[in-house]
C-alpha atoms as a PDB file:
ATOM      1  CA  MET A   1       0.000   0.000   0.000  1.00  0.00           C
ATOM      2  CA  ALA A   2       1.324   3.428  -0.953  1.00  0.00           C
ATOM      3  CA  THR A   3       2.381   5.865   1.729  1.00  0.00           C
ATOM      4  CA  GLY A   4       3.471   9.486   1.533  1.00  0.00           C
ATOM      5  CA  THR A   5       6.853   8.414   0.147  1.00  0.00           C
ATOM      6  CA  THR A   6       5.867   5.551  -2.150  1.00  0.00           C
ATOM      7  CA  ILE A   7       3.589   4.730  -5.073  1.00  0.00           C
ATOM      8  CA  ASP A   8       1.641   1.545  -5.781  1.00  0.00           C
ATOM      9  CA  VAL A   9       2.343   0.310  -9.294  1.00  0.00           C
ATOM     10  CA  LEU A  10       0.097  -2.150 -11.128  1.00  0.00           C
ATOM     11  CA  TYR A  11       1.322  -3.923 -14.275  1.00  0.00           C
ATOM     12  CA  PHE A  12      -1.041  -5.443 -16.826  1.00  0.00           C
ATOM     13  CA  ALA A  13      -0.773  -8.022 -19.647  1.00  0.00           C
ATOM     14  CA  GLN A  14       2.589  -8.064 -21.459  1.00  0.00           C
ATOM     15  CA  VAL A  15       3.989  -5.400 -19.131  1.00  0.00           C
ATOM     16  CA  ALA A  16       3.383  -7.716 -16.153  1.00  0.00           C
ATOM     17  CA  GLU A  17       5.015 -10.593 -18.004  1.00  0.00           C
ATOM     18  CA  HIS A  18       8.104  -8.535 -18.805  1.00  0.00           C
ATOM     19  CA  MET A  19       8.326  -7.165 -15.254  1.00  0.00           C
ATOM     20  CA  GLY A  20       7.791 -10.595 -13.709  1.00  0.00           C
ATOM     21  CA  LEU A  21       5.160  -9.260 -11.311  1.00  0.00           C
ATOM     22  CA  ARG A  22       1.734  -7.663 -11.326  1.00  0.00           C
ATOM     23  CA  ARG A  23       2.138  -5.183  -8.482  1.00  0.00           C
ATOM     24  CA  GLU A  24       4.852  -3.500  -6.475  1.00  0.00           C
ATOM     25  CA  THR A  25       5.364  -0.548  -4.178  1.00  0.00           C
ATOM     26  CA  LEU A  26       8.153   1.799  -5.227  1.00  0.00           C
ATOM     27  CA  PRO A  27       9.769   4.710  -3.423  1.00  0.00           C
ATOM     28  CA  LEU A  28       8.886   8.196  -4.637  1.00  0.00           C
ATOM     29  CA  ASP A  29       9.971  11.105  -2.480  1.00  0.00           C
ATOM     30  CA  ALA A  30       8.865  13.927  -4.796  1.00  0.00           C
ATOM     31  CA  PRO A  31       6.488  14.437  -7.718  1.00  0.00           C
ATOM     32  CA  ILE A  32       7.797  13.320 -11.118  1.00  0.00           C
ATOM     33  CA  ARG A  33       6.608  13.820 -14.681  1.00  0.00           C
ATOM     34  CA  ALA A  34       4.936  10.615 -15.895  1.00  0.00           C
ATOM     35  CA  GLY A  35       7.108  10.499 -19.036  1.00  0.00           C
ATOM     36  CA  ASP A  36      10.295  10.644 -16.969  1.00  0.00           C
ATOM     37  CA  TRP A  37       9.003   7.890 -14.700  1.00  0.00           C
ATOM     38  CA  LEU A  38       8.108   5.708 -17.714  1.00  0.00           C
ATOM     39  CA  ASP A  39      11.578   6.317 -19.180  1.00  0.00           C
ATOM     40  CA  ALA A  40      13.137   5.098 -15.917  1.00  0.00           C
ATOM     41  CA  LEU A  41      10.863   2.038 -15.913  1.00  0.00           C
ATOM     42  CA  ALA A  42      11.857   1.155 -19.483  1.00  0.00           C
ATOM     43  CA  ALA A  43      15.532   1.579 -18.557  1.00  0.00           C
ATOM     44  CA  ARG A  44      14.992  -0.805 -15.631  1.00  0.00           C
ATOM     45  CA  CYS A  45      13.321  -3.395 -17.887  1.00  0.00           C
ATOM     46  CA  PRO A  46      14.523  -3.021 -21.514  1.00  0.00           C
ATOM     47  CA  ALA A  47      12.147  -5.811 -22.640  1.00  0.00           C
ATOM     48  CA  LEU A  48       9.307  -3.288 -22.312  1.00  0.00           C
ATOM     49  CA  GLY A  49      10.606  -1.534 -25.409  1.00  0.00           C
ATOM     50  CA  PRO A  50      10.372   2.213 -25.964  1.00  0.00           C
ATOM     51  CA  SER A  51       8.633   3.921 -23.072  1.00  0.00           C
ATOM     52  CA  ALA A  52       6.707   6.168 -25.487  1.00  0.00           C
ATOM     53  CA  ARG A  53       4.474   3.239 -26.443  1.00  0.00           C
ATOM     54  CA  LEU A  54       3.449   2.477 -22.852  1.00  0.00           C
ATOM     55  CA  LYS A  55       0.208   3.848 -21.436  1.00  0.00           C
ATOM     56  CA  LEU A  56      -0.586   4.639 -17.848  1.00  0.00           C
ATOM     57  CA  ALA A  57      -3.328   5.611 -15.486  1.00  0.00           C
ATOM     58  CA  ILE A  58      -2.814   7.601 -12.321  1.00  0.00           C
ATOM     59  CA  ASN A  59      -5.367   6.947  -9.584  1.00  0.00           C
ATOM     60  CA  GLN A  60      -7.534   5.085 -12.113  1.00  0.00           C
ATOM     61  CA  GLU A  61      -7.625   7.908 -14.669  1.00  0.00           C
ATOM     62  CA  HIS A  62      -5.810   7.701 -18.006  1.00  0.00           C
ATOM     63  CA  ALA A  63      -2.861  10.066 -18.016  1.00  0.00           C
ATOM     64  CA  GLY A  64      -0.386  11.308 -20.592  1.00  0.00           C
ATOM     65  CA  ARG A  65       3.378  11.666 -20.364  1.00  0.00           C
ATOM     66  CA  ALA A  66       3.034  15.277 -19.178  1.00  0.00           C
ATOM     67  CA  ALA A  67       0.956  14.271 -16.131  1.00  0.00           C
ATOM     68  CA  THR A  68       2.493  14.302 -12.664  1.00  0.00           C
ATOM     69  CA  ILE A  69       2.908  11.244 -10.459  1.00  0.00           C
ATOM     70  CA  ARG A  70       2.905  12.170  -6.784  1.00  0.00           C
ATOM     71  CA  PRO A  71       3.874  10.204  -3.676  1.00  0.00           C
ATOM     72  CA  GLY A  72       0.867   8.171  -2.544  1.00  0.00           C
ATOM     73  CA  ASP A  73      -0.523   7.706  -6.077  1.00  0.00           C
ATOM     74  CA  GLU A  74      -1.573   4.442  -7.692  1.00  0.00           C
ATOM     75  CA  VAL A  75      -0.019   4.036 -11.140  1.00  0.00           C
ATOM     76  CA  ALA A  76      -1.158   1.413 -13.648  1.00  0.00           C
ATOM     77  CA  VAL A  77       1.071   0.586 -16.619  1.00  0.00           C
ATOM     78  CA  PHE A  78      -0.210  -1.172 -19.728  1.00  0.00           C
ATOM     79  CA  GLU A  79       0.266  -1.440 -23.472  1.00  0.00           C
ATOM     80  CA  PRO A  80      -2.024   0.198 -26.009  1.00  0.00           C
ATOM     81  CA  VAL A  81      -5.151  -1.840 -26.598  1.00  0.00           C
ATOM     82  CA  THR A  82      -6.193  -2.581 -30.141  1.00  0.00           C
ATOM     83  CA  GLY A  83      -9.400  -4.065 -31.359  1.00  0.00           C
ATOM     84  CA  GLY A  84     -10.367  -5.726 -34.542  1.00  0.00           C
END
């Protein structure tokens, strides 16, 4: 569970497979731009591919790379969904 200095991160589908887990709590002492956080995640797990293709939701609302992730937030990471 997130506290004032952590975030809860949820991984879905292929992202979860690449990360090897579906959920984790990560330290976050100060707000960070979502794009910077995604870049760091992709650097941590290169199998995710370019971070620009990843999507995220902050506190259950879709968010873009310019959004801000704050300590205590819940962040969900997933790949774009296509239909057909």
